[in-house]
């Protein structure tokens, strides 16, 4: 866990410094151009201001995104682990993305079985971190899907004293032999990805005492999440 946290910190520093460098270098130019524009009224300067202003906002949002991602790690006082109904946890995680799912036409189904009544003992923020990052990842890839159904399926099973969550979507899935890298901090298949989302999900599941695994599938992305039944 300490090694993974060290890697996550390295990614955060790298991505954060990138955004801060751009903002710190650009804002003085924007201030200068604003003064020049008030004197000269140049269309060229106005266009530059508009372009750089938009990019500063983008980099500021990048910082806000990083801060949001690491919020679970920054909490010095963690709420005690308690019992949660796993079906309700997954359902609530989808609720976080309800607006985005509706706008993008992404459907989802949580398969209701006998495992739907199972309770697990965990920290609430860890559970939210696991499933919200999986759903956020699916939303990103399904948003770019041009043809076919945009869908996420979740199935819950009981196997001896373990609860298995099979999570799949109809996105592009995983390319090549990169499954072992999916939860590695800094690794991302997204062109503009930070490689933090699934890394944080993996970190959270390890704190719970469970396991998460990315799998090859001809239908899209697939993950198996294993919890010990309490």
Protein backbone atom coordinates (compact mmCIF):
# COMPACT_ATOMS: atom_id res chain seq x y z
CA UNK A 1 0.00 0.00 0.00
CA UNK A 2 2.83 2.42 0.85
CA UNK A 3 4.42 1.80 -2.57
CA UNK A 4 1.12 2.49 -4.37
CA UNK A 5 0.58 5.69 -2.38
CA UNK A 6 4.09 6.80 -3.27
CA UNK A 7 3.35 6.29 -6.97
CA UNK A 8 0.02 8.10 -6.69
CA UNK A 9 1.79 11.03 -5.00
CA UNK A 10 4.35 11.12 -7.82
CA UNK A 11 1.57 11.29 -10.44
CA UNK A 12 -0.22 14.03 -8.50
CA UNK A 13 2.94 16.12 -8.25
CA UNK A 14 3.68 15.70 -11.94
CA UNK A 15 0.14 16.53 -13.11
CA UNK A 16 -0.28 19.33 -10.56
CA UNK A 17 2.99 21.01 -11.47
CA UNK A 18 2.03 20.91 -15.16
CA UNK A 19 -1.17 22.84 -14.50
CA UNK A 20 0.44 25.27 -12.05
CA UNK A 21 3.33 25.99 -14.45
CA UNK A 22 0.95 26.90 -17.26
CA UNK A 23 -1.21 29.10 -15.04
CA UNK A 24 1.75 30.88 -13.39
CA UNK A 25 3.39 31.59 -16.76
CA UNK A 26 0.22 32.63 -18.58
CA UNK A 27 -1.50 34.91 -16.07
CA UNK A 28 1.25 37.61 -16.18
CA UNK A 29 0.99 37.63 -19.99
CA UNK A 30 -2.79 37.96 -19.79
CA UNK A 31 -2.43 40.91 -17.42
CA UNK A 32 0.06 42.61 -19.77
CA UNK A 33 -2.10 41.99 -22.84
CA UNK A 34 -5.14 43.36 -21.00
CA UNK A 35 -3.29 46.60 -20.31
CA UNK A 36 -2.10 46.81 -23.93
CA UNK A 37 -5.61 46.07 -25.19
CA UNK A 38 -7.07 48.92 -23.16
CA UNK A 39 -4.63 51.25 -24.90
CA UNK A 40 -4.50 49.85 -28.45
CA UNK A 41 -7.80 48.02 -28.90
CA UNK A 42 -6.12 45.30 -31.00
CA UNK A 43 -8.25 42.43 -32.37
CA UNK A 44 -5.15 40.21 -32.31
CA UNK A 45 -4.62 40.84 -28.59
CA UNK A 46 -8.32 40.26 -27.90
CA UNK A 47 -8.10 36.87 -29.64
CA UNK A 48 -4.98 35.96 -27.64
CA UNK A 49 -6.70 36.92 -24.38
CA UNK A 50 -9.74 34.83 -25.25
CA UNK A 51 -7.58 31.81 -26.14
CA UNK A 52 -5.27 31.98 -23.10
CA UNK A 53 -8.15 32.76 -20.74
CA UNK A 54 -9.92 29.59 -21.86
CA UNK A 55 -6.76 27.53 -21.41
CA UNK A 56 -6.17 28.92 -17.91
CA UNK A 57 -9.71 27.85 -16.99
CA UNK A 58 -9.00 24.36 -18.40
CA UNK A 59 -5.81 24.01 -16.33
CA UNK A 60 -7.61 25.30 -13.22
CA UNK A 61 -10.27 22.63 -13.76
CA UNK A 62 -7.45 20.09 -14.08
CA UNK A 63 -6.22 21.05 -10.62
CA UNK A 64 -9.75 20.87 -9.22
CA UNK A 65 -10.11 17.39 -10.73
CA UNK A 66 -6.87 16.23 -9.09
CA UNK A 67 -7.95 17.60 -5.70
CA UNK A 68 -11.31 15.86 -6.00
CA UNK A 69 -9.60 12.57 -6.83
CA UNK A 70 -7.26 12.62 -3.82
CA UNK A 71 -9.86 13.79 -1.31
CA UNK A 72 -10.34 10.26 0.13
CA UNK A 73 -6.59 9.99 0.76
CA UNK A 74 -6.41 13.37 2.47
CA UNK A 75 -8.85 12.58 5.26
CA UNK A 76 -6.99 12.33 8.55
CA UNK A 77 -10.01 10.96 10.38
CA UNK A 78 -11.66 8.07 8.61
CA UNK A 79 -15.14 7.01 9.60
CA UNK A 80 -15.20 3.54 11.18
CA UNK A 81 -16.03 0.53 9.01
CA UNK A 82 -19.64 -0.62 9.27
CA UNK A 83 -22.10 -2.87 7.49
CA UNK A 84 -23.41 -1.83 4.08
CA UNK A 85 -25.83 -3.53 1.73
CA UNK A 86 -23.69 -4.04 -1.39
CA UNK A 87 -26.60 -3.73 -3.83
CA UNK A 88 -27.54 -0.35 -2.34
CA UNK A 89 -23.92 0.85 -2.48
CA UNK A 90 -23.72 0.11 -6.23
CA UNK A 91 -27.14 1.66 -6.85
CA UNK A 92 -26.11 4.84 -4.99
CA UNK A 93 -22.89 5.04 -7.00
CA UNK A 94 -24.90 5.04 -10.24
CA UNK A 95 -27.11 7.74 -8.71
CA UNK A 96 -24.09 10.06 -8.55
CA UNK A 97 -23.88 9.89 -12.36
CA UNK A 98 -27.64 9.82 -13.08
CA UNK A 99 -27.70 13.11 -15.03
CA UNK A 100 -24.67 12.24 -17.15
CA UNK A 101 -25.94 8.71 -17.85
CA UNK A 102 -29.31 10.06 -19.00
CA UNK A 103 -27.77 12.76 -21.21
CA UNK A 104 -25.45 10.26 -22.93
CA UNK A 105 -28.09 7.55 -23.30
CA UNK A 106 -26.17 5.07 -21.15
CA UNK A 107 -28.35 2.39 -19.59
CA UNK A 108 -27.36 0.19 -16.68
CA UNK A 109 -28.66 -2.81 -14.79
CA UNK A 110 -27.71 -4.26 -11.42
CA UNK A 111 -28.63 -7.92 -11.52
CA UNK A 112 -30.82 -8.66 -8.50
CA UNK A 113 -30.00 -12.08 -7.04
CA UNK A 114 -29.82 -13.62 -3.58
CA UNK A 115 -26.50 -11.77 -3.23
CA UNK A 116 -28.45 -8.50 -3.38
CA UNK A 117 -29.17 -8.81 0.33
CA UNK A 118 -25.55 -9.40 1.30
CA UNK A 119 -23.88 -6.97 3.67
CA UNK A 120 -20.18 -6.23 3.78
CA UNK A 121 -18.15 -4.36 6.39
CA UNK A 122 -16.18 -1.45 4.97
CA UNK A 123 -15.46 2.25 5.14
CA UNK A 124 -18.14 4.12 3.16
CA UNK A 125 -15.70 6.40 1.32
CA UNK A 126 -13.67 3.39 0.17
CA UNK A 127 -16.76 1.79 -1.34
CA UNK A 128 -17.76 5.01 -3.09
CA UNK A 129 -14.20 5.39 -4.42
CA UNK A 130 -14.22 1.89 -5.93
CA UNK A 131 -17.54 2.04 -7.76
CA UNK A 132 -17.59 5.74 -8.69
CA UNK A 133 -14.21 5.41 -10.41
CA UNK A 134 -15.35 2.34 -12.35
CA UNK A 135 -18.52 4.13 -13.49
CA UNK A 136 -16.65 7.33 -14.32
CA UNK A 137 -14.24 5.29 -16.46
CA UNK A 138 -17.14 3.62 -18.30
CA UNK A 139 -18.90 6.93 -18.90
CA UNK A 140 -15.76 8.37 -20.50
CA UNK A 141 -15.38 5.51 -23.00
CA UNK A 142 -19.09 5.03 -23.71
CA UNK A 143 -19.41 8.75 -24.42
CA UNK A 144 -17.04 8.27 -27.36
CA UNK A 145 -18.85 5.19 -28.68
CA UNK A 146 -20.47 5.94 -32.04
CA UNK A 147 -22.46 2.75 -32.73
CA UNK A 148 -24.25 0.11 -30.68
CA UNK A 149 -25.64 0.13 -27.17
CA UNK A 150 -24.11 2.17 -24.39
CA UNK A 151 -24.63 -0.06 -21.39
CA UNK A 152 -23.16 -1.02 -18.01
CA UNK A 153 -24.06 -4.31 -16.28
CA UNK A 154 -23.34 -5.32 -12.71
CA UNK A 155 -23.92 -8.84 -11.39
CA UNK A 156 -23.55 -9.93 -7.76
CA UNK A 157 -22.73 -13.54 -6.85
CA UNK A 158 -21.94 -15.44 -3.66
CA UNK A 159 -19.08 -17.94 -3.79
CA UNK A 160 -18.51 -19.65 -0.42
CA UNK A 161 -17.67 -16.80 1.98
CA UNK A 162 -16.96 -14.29 -0.79
CA UNK A 163 -19.16 -11.88 -2.70
CA UNK A 164 -18.15 -11.36 -6.32
CA UNK A 165 -19.20 -8.30 -8.30
CA UNK A 166 -18.91 -8.71 -12.07
CA UNK A 167 -18.80 -5.26 -13.65
CA UNK A 168 -18.93 -4.92 -17.47
CA UNK A 169 -19.61 -2.20 -20.01
CA UNK A 170 -19.98 -2.10 -23.80
CA UNK A 171 -17.05 0.24 -24.38
CA UNK A 172 -13.86 -0.55 -26.31
CA UNK A 173 -12.43 -2.70 -23.52
CA UNK A 174 -8.71 -3.21 -22.99
CA UNK A 175 -6.25 -3.22 -25.86
CA UNK A 176 -3.24 -5.54 -25.89
CA UNK A 177 -1.64 -7.20 -22.88
CA UNK A 178 -2.05 -4.27 -20.52
CA UNK A 179 -4.38 -5.75 -17.91
CA UNK A 180 -1.70 -5.83 -15.21
CA UNK A 181 -1.18 -2.08 -15.69
CA UNK A 182 -4.80 -1.01 -15.21
CA UNK A 183 -4.38 -0.15 -11.52
CA UNK A 184 -0.86 1.22 -11.84
CA UNK A 185 -0.69 4.94 -10.86
CA UNK A 186 0.07 7.06 -13.90
CA UNK A 187 -1.10 4.48 -16.47
CA UNK A 188 -4.08 5.52 -18.58
CA UNK A 189 -5.56 4.58 -21.95
CA UNK A 190 -7.23 7.99 -22.16
CA UNK A 191 -5.37 10.54 -24.31
CA UNK A 192 -5.69 13.14 -21.53
CA UNK A 193 -5.85 10.74 -18.58
CA UNK A 194 -3.97 11.11 -15.30
CA UNK A 195 -3.91 7.40 -14.46
CA UNK A 196 -5.39 8.05 -11.01
CA UNK A 197 -8.98 6.78 -11.14
CA UNK A 198 -8.45 3.03 -11.27
CA UNK A 199 -5.30 3.34 -9.13
CA UNK A 200 -7.38 4.93 -6.37
CA UNK A 201 -10.06 2.24 -6.81
CA UNK A 202 -7.39 -0.43 -6.37
CA UNK A 203 -6.01 1.33 -3.31
CA UNK A 204 -9.49 1.57 -1.77
CA UNK A 205 -10.34 -2.08 -2.37
CA UNK A 206 -7.07 -3.16 -0.73
CA UNK A 207 -8.01 -1.16 2.40
CA UNK A 208 -11.31 -3.04 2.50
CA UNK A 209 -9.45 -6.35 2.25
CA UNK A 210 -10.90 -7.22 -1.15
CA UNK A 211 -9.52 -7.66 -4.64
CA UNK A 212 -10.18 -6.11 -8.04
CA UNK A 213 -9.10 -7.54 -11.39
CA UNK A 214 -9.43 -6.30 -14.97
CA UNK A 215 -10.38 -9.02 -17.46
CA UNK A 216 -10.35 -9.51 -21.21
CA UNK A 217 -13.80 -9.54 -22.79
CA UNK A 218 -15.04 -9.37 -26.37
CA UNK A 219 -17.96 -7.18 -25.21
CA UNK A 220 -16.05 -4.31 -23.57
CA UNK A 221 -14.35 -3.58 -20.26
CA UNK A 222 -14.76 -6.18 -17.51
CA UNK A 223 -13.80 -6.16 -13.85
CA UNK A 224 -14.20 -8.69 -11.06
CA UNK A 225 -14.39 -7.25 -7.55
CA UNK A 226 -14.21 -9.68 -4.64
CA UNK A 227 -15.35 -8.91 -1.08
CA UNK A 228 -15.31 -11.16 1.93
CA UNK A 229 -18.86 -11.75 3.14
CA UNK A 230 -19.42 -10.52 6.71
